[in-house]
Amino acid sequence: MKPQAYSKVFVADDSPIVRERLISLLMELPNVQVIGETGGALEAIDSIRRLKPTAVVLDISMPGGGGMSVLETIKKEDQAPMVIMLTNFANEPYRRRCLQLGADYFFDKSSEFEKVIHVLRKARRARA
């Protein structure tokens, strides 16, 4: 059986609690596999290049360069993954800049956390 689109997800957030909660929610989705996680920007870039996820959930604030530098770097790669920015810095200048750098989605952690699940579910159905 051919794997469905967006089944391999990588999570990059400096908060272990946020990563744990998000991974727990993602693992409830059928055909979704969390293939890695990290709290740092440099490790995120290395892991994303090596693991080749189809989707990345990325925070803006992380040690080692921050999520926007990760976003900019991975979106320049061949077959770049879908990137969902999930952040506490959800004001308009950050939103605009992330979308300019190639983010596919931009959500506020405090009020739109569940939208990550909906986006992945919808994207997987659209490609199935």
Foldseek 3Di string as FASTA:
>chain_A
DDQFAQQEEEEEALDPVLVVVLQVLQVVDPSHDDPYYYQALVVLLVCCVVVVGQEYEAEQDGPDHGRLVSLLVQVVDPNRHAYEYEYCPQDDVVVVSSVVSPHPYYYYNVPCVCVVVVVSVVRRVVRD
